[in-house]
């Protein structure tokens, strides 16, 4: 299995709905929807073969970003470290994951 496209599509739909709720000022609802999107993205990511480096990187960055937006900072950091440990990870994905780690650290310090 390459990517569970249904899960990927559902994650994107949930993220779009979360963004809509955030713009309306419904922050707790938005965070819950981002968390649901992250859980769904994780399902899609589980089916990606290790030789599909570009796909793996794209979905890993998406997962970490969704966890960050859901304010699930420790989970975002854990996932970022997990995917950064993959030595053949695409350089762009590696850069984006490091940026997300810095954002998570900054948010943790601000709390």
Protein backbone atom coordinates (compact mmCIF):
# COMPACT_ATOMS: atom_id res chain seq x y z
CA UNK A 1 0.00 0.00 0.00
CA UNK A 2 1.41 3.40 -0.92
CA UNK A 3 -0.87 5.96 0.72
CA UNK A 4 -4.33 5.58 2.12
CA UNK A 5 -5.79 8.28 -0.12
CA UNK A 6 -9.10 8.22 1.72
CA UNK A 7 -7.35 8.97 5.02
CA UNK A 8 -5.19 11.63 3.35
CA UNK A 9 -8.23 13.31 1.81
CA UNK A 10 -10.14 13.16 5.11
CA UNK A 11 -7.19 14.71 6.95
CA UNK A 12 -7.13 17.58 4.46
CA UNK A 13 -10.88 18.10 4.86
CA UNK A 14 -10.58 18.16 8.65
CA UNK A 15 -7.67 20.62 8.46
CA UNK A 16 -9.69 22.92 6.19
CA UNK A 17 -12.63 22.76 8.58
CA UNK A 18 -10.26 23.51 11.49
CA UNK A 19 -8.89 26.54 9.68
CA UNK A 20 -12.44 27.77 9.08
CA UNK A 21 -13.26 27.38 12.79
CA UNK A 22 -10.04 29.16 13.78
CA UNK A 23 -10.91 32.14 11.54
CA UNK A 24 -14.34 32.27 13.18
CA UNK A 25 -12.69 32.44 16.61
CA UNK A 26 -13.70 28.91 17.67
CA UNK A 27 -10.20 28.04 18.85
CA UNK A 28 -10.96 24.99 20.98
CA UNK A 29 -13.06 23.47 18.18
CA UNK A 30 -10.28 24.24 15.70
CA UNK A 31 -7.69 22.54 17.92
CA UNK A 32 -9.87 19.43 18.18
CA UNK A 33 -10.32 19.31 14.42
CA UNK A 34 -6.56 19.74 13.89
CA UNK A 35 -5.99 16.86 16.32
CA UNK A 36 -8.48 14.69 14.42
CA UNK A 37 -6.76 15.63 11.16
CA UNK A 38 -3.39 14.67 12.64
CA UNK A 39 -4.72 11.29 13.79
CA UNK A 40 -6.09 10.69 10.30
CA UNK A 41 -2.83 11.84 8.66
CA UNK A 42 -0.97 9.40 10.88
CA UNK A 43 -3.12 6.59 9.47
CA UNK A 44 -2.19 7.64 5.93
CA UNK A 45 1.48 7.85 6.89
CA UNK A 46 1.49 4.35 8.36
CA UNK A 47 0.98 2.86 4.90
CA UNK A 48 3.84 4.67 3.16
CA UNK A 49 6.71 2.34 2.21
CA UNK A 50 10.14 3.46 3.40
CA UNK A 51 11.40 3.81 -0.19
CA UNK A 52 8.80 6.53 -0.93
CA UNK A 53 11.00 9.23 0.61
CA UNK A 54 9.29 12.25 -0.93
CA UNK A 55 5.79 11.08 0.10
CA UNK A 56 7.06 10.16 3.54
CA UNK A 57 8.55 13.63 3.99
CA UNK A 58 5.44 15.46 2.81
CA UNK A 59 3.15 13.50 5.13
CA UNK A 60 5.58 13.70 8.07
CA UNK A 61 5.73 17.49 7.80
CA UNK A 62 1.95 17.64 7.51
CA UNK A 63 1.51 15.43 10.58
CA UNK A 64 3.86 17.51 12.72
CA UNK A 65 2.29 20.78 11.55
CA UNK A 66 -1.19 19.49 12.39
CA UNK A 67 -0.06 18.38 15.87
CA UNK A 68 1.47 21.84 16.36
CA UNK A 69 -1.74 23.58 15.30
CA UNK A 70 -3.67 21.29 17.64
CA UNK A 71 -1.36 22.46 20.46
CA UNK A 72 -0.17 18.86 20.91
CA UNK A 73 3.39 20.07 21.25
CA UNK A 74 4.98 17.02 22.86
CA UNK A 75 3.40 14.73 20.26
CA UNK A 76 4.56 17.08 17.49
CA UNK A 77 8.10 17.02 18.87
CA UNK A 78 8.11 13.22 19.21
CA UNK A 79 6.89 12.77 15.65
CA UNK A 80 9.42 15.28 14.30
CA UNK A 81 12.28 13.44 16.03
CA UNK A 82 10.98 10.10 14.77
CA UNK A 83 11.02 11.22 11.15
CA UNK A 84 14.27 13.18 11.44
CA UNK A 85 15.88 9.88 12.45
CA UNK A 86 15.23 8.56 8.94
CA UNK A 87 18.60 9.23 7.32
CA UNK A 88 17.34 9.26 3.73
CA UNK A 89 14.55 11.78 4.47
CA UNK A 90 14.30 14.46 1.80
CA UNK A 91 16.38 17.55 2.76
CA UNK A 92 13.42 19.93 2.37
CA UNK A 93 11.30 17.81 4.73
CA UNK A 94 14.21 17.69 7.17
CA UNK A 95 14.45 21.51 7.13
CA UNK A 96 10.71 21.93 7.63
CA UNK A 97 10.65 19.44 10.51
CA UNK A 98 13.49 21.32 12.23
CA UNK A 99 11.59 24.59 11.81
CA UNK A 100 8.50 22.99 13.34
CA UNK A 101 10.60 21.70 16.25
CA UNK A 102 11.84 25.26 16.90
CA UNK A 103 8.24 26.52 16.79
CA UNK A 104 7.16 23.84 19.26
CA UNK A 105 10.02 24.75 21.61
CA UNK A 106 9.15 28.44 21.41
CA UNK A 107 5.49 27.71 22.13
CA UNK A 108 6.40 25.47 25.07
CA UNK A 109 8.56 28.21 26.57
CA UNK A 110 5.81 30.80 26.11
CA UNK A 111 3.30 28.78 28.14
